[in-house]
Amino acid sequence: MAKKRKNLQDWDEDEEVQAKAAKLLEGNGDQFQVHLSDYVIPAKVSAFVRDYDPCNEGDPGYEQFDDGRLREVFKAYVCGLGDPLRLYIEDLQMAGFRMDCSLATGEPCIFARRK
């Protein structure tokens, strides 16, 4: 009986799934290539930009999006191809959001407030 998977990360860590994927990719050569950008969903960035404005720490209604919270919001987990969070952060920076270090925690994060 197959074990129950709770999230996408469970699929990535499942050895049986990885073995089947490797067999499918064998012999395909350049016909099928997976890139880190395949793990990024632009609509998630658009939704974030539509619902949040960039702000500074301490501004009224600010929220702190540290590494962990950004990963949770975008479901951006490290995979065999690298870290898709890097691409999400680049897209957010192009939309005017920036990483700053929190005065409270010293951790790099993005400060934003709901529109």
Protein backbone atom coordinates (compact mmCIF):
# COMPACT_ATOMS: atom_id res chain seq x y z
CA MET A 1 0.00 0.00 0.00
CA ALA A 2 1.39 3.42 -0.96
CA LYS A 3 2.08 5.82 1.85
CA LYS A 4 -0.04 8.94 2.10
CA ARG A 5 1.66 12.14 0.95
CA LYS A 6 0.82 15.33 2.79
CA ASN A 7 2.43 17.91 0.48
CA LEU A 8 4.59 18.42 -2.61
CA GLN A 9 7.77 18.02 -0.60
CA ASP A 10 6.70 14.46 0.26
CA TRP A 11 6.61 13.68 -3.48
CA ASP A 12 10.13 15.10 -3.93
CA GLU A 13 11.45 12.97 -1.06
CA ASP A 14 9.70 9.74 -2.10
CA GLU A 15 12.42 7.38 -3.41
CA GLU A 16 9.94 5.31 -5.42
CA VAL A 17 8.65 8.41 -7.22
CA GLN A 18 12.21 9.56 -7.89
CA ALA A 19 13.16 6.17 -9.34
CA LYS A 20 10.13 6.17 -11.66
CA ALA A 21 10.91 9.73 -12.78
CA ALA A 22 14.53 8.77 -13.50
CA LYS A 23 13.36 5.82 -15.66
CA LEU A 24 11.01 8.10 -17.60
CA LEU A 25 13.80 10.59 -18.24
CA GLU A 26 16.31 7.93 -19.38
CA GLY A 27 16.91 8.08 -23.09
CA ASN A 28 14.98 11.32 -23.56
CA GLY A 29 18.21 13.32 -23.80
CA ASP A 30 17.49 16.96 -24.54
CA GLN A 31 13.82 16.37 -25.28
CA PHE A 32 12.80 17.00 -21.69
CA GLN A 33 14.69 19.26 -19.32
CA VAL A 34 13.51 20.57 -16.00
CA HIS A 35 14.63 24.01 -14.91
CA LEU A 36 14.40 25.76 -11.56
CA SER A 37 11.98 28.27 -13.11
CA ASP A 38 9.55 25.36 -13.65
CA TYR A 39 9.04 25.42 -9.88
CA VAL A 40 7.95 29.08 -9.87
CA ILE A 41 4.31 30.02 -10.33
CA PRO A 42 4.10 33.63 -11.56
CA ALA A 43 0.44 33.92 -10.53
CA LYS A 44 1.51 33.60 -6.89
CA VAL A 45 3.81 36.61 -7.25
CA SER A 46 1.04 38.55 -9.01
CA ALA A 47 -1.40 37.76 -6.22
CA PHE A 48 1.11 38.88 -3.56
CA VAL A 49 1.85 42.14 -5.42
CA ARG A 50 -1.87 42.75 -5.91
CA ASP A 51 -2.65 42.27 -2.20
CA TYR A 52 0.43 43.82 -0.53
CA ASP A 53 2.38 47.08 -0.70
CA PRO A 54 6.06 47.34 0.19
CA CYS A 55 6.67 49.15 3.47
CA ASN A 56 9.22 49.58 6.26
CA GLU A 57 9.48 47.88 9.61
CA GLY A 58 7.31 49.75 12.07
CA ASP A 59 4.93 51.23 9.48
CA PRO A 60 1.28 50.85 10.50
CA GLY A 61 -0.02 47.40 9.58
CA TYR A 62 3.35 46.01 8.48
CA GLU A 63 3.91 42.27 8.23
CA GLN A 64 7.29 40.59 8.29
CA PHE A 65 8.01 37.96 5.63
CA ASP A 66 11.19 36.17 6.62
CA ASP A 67 12.69 33.22 4.75
CA GLY A 68 10.39 30.69 6.43
CA ARG A 69 7.23 32.67 5.87
CA LEU A 70 8.10 33.37 2.22
CA ARG A 71 8.70 29.65 1.67
CA GLU A 72 5.32 28.90 3.23
CA VAL A 73 3.46 31.58 1.24
CA PHE A 74 4.95 30.58 -2.12
CA LYS A 75 5.48 26.87 -1.34
CA ALA A 76 9.07 27.46 -2.43
CA TYR A 77 11.11 24.59 -1.07
CA VAL A 78 14.65 23.66 -2.03
CA CYS A 79 14.76 20.91 -4.65
CA GLY A 80 17.44 19.08 -6.61
CA LEU A 81 17.69 21.98 -9.06
CA GLY A 82 18.24 24.65 -6.41
CA ASP A 83 16.17 27.09 -4.42
CA PRO A 84 13.07 28.51 -6.16
CA LEU A 85 12.70 31.09 -3.38
CA ARG A 86 15.56 32.99 -5.00
CA LEU A 87 13.45 33.45 -8.13
CA TYR A 88 10.39 34.49 -6.14
CA ILE A 89 12.45 37.11 -4.30
CA GLU A 90 13.88 38.42 -7.59
CA ASP A 91 10.32 38.81 -8.95
CA LEU A 92 9.23 40.58 -5.77
CA GLN A 93 12.22 42.93 -5.99
CA MET A 94 11.23 43.84 -9.54
CA ALA A 95 7.80 44.74 -8.13
CA GLY A 96 9.33 47.11 -5.57
CA PHE A 97 9.72 44.85 -2.53
CA ARG A 98 13.16 44.64 -0.94
CA MET A 99 14.95 42.55 1.63
CA ASP A 100 15.90 44.43 4.79
CA CYS A 101 17.23 43.22 8.09
CA SER A 102 14.70 43.34 10.89
CA LEU A 103 15.68 45.56 13.80
CA ALA A 104 13.89 43.14 16.14
CA THR A 105 15.41 39.86 14.94
CA GLY A 106 18.33 40.86 12.72
CA GLU A 107 17.01 38.43 10.10
CA PRO A 108 16.68 39.46 6.45
CA CYS A 109 13.03 39.78 5.47
CA ILE A 110 10.54 41.65 3.34
CA PHE A 111 8.20 44.11 5.03
CA ALA A 112 4.76 44.48 3.45
CA ARG A 113 1.27 45.56 4.42
CA ARG A 114 -2.10 44.56 3.03
CA LYS A 115 -3.58 47.06 0.61
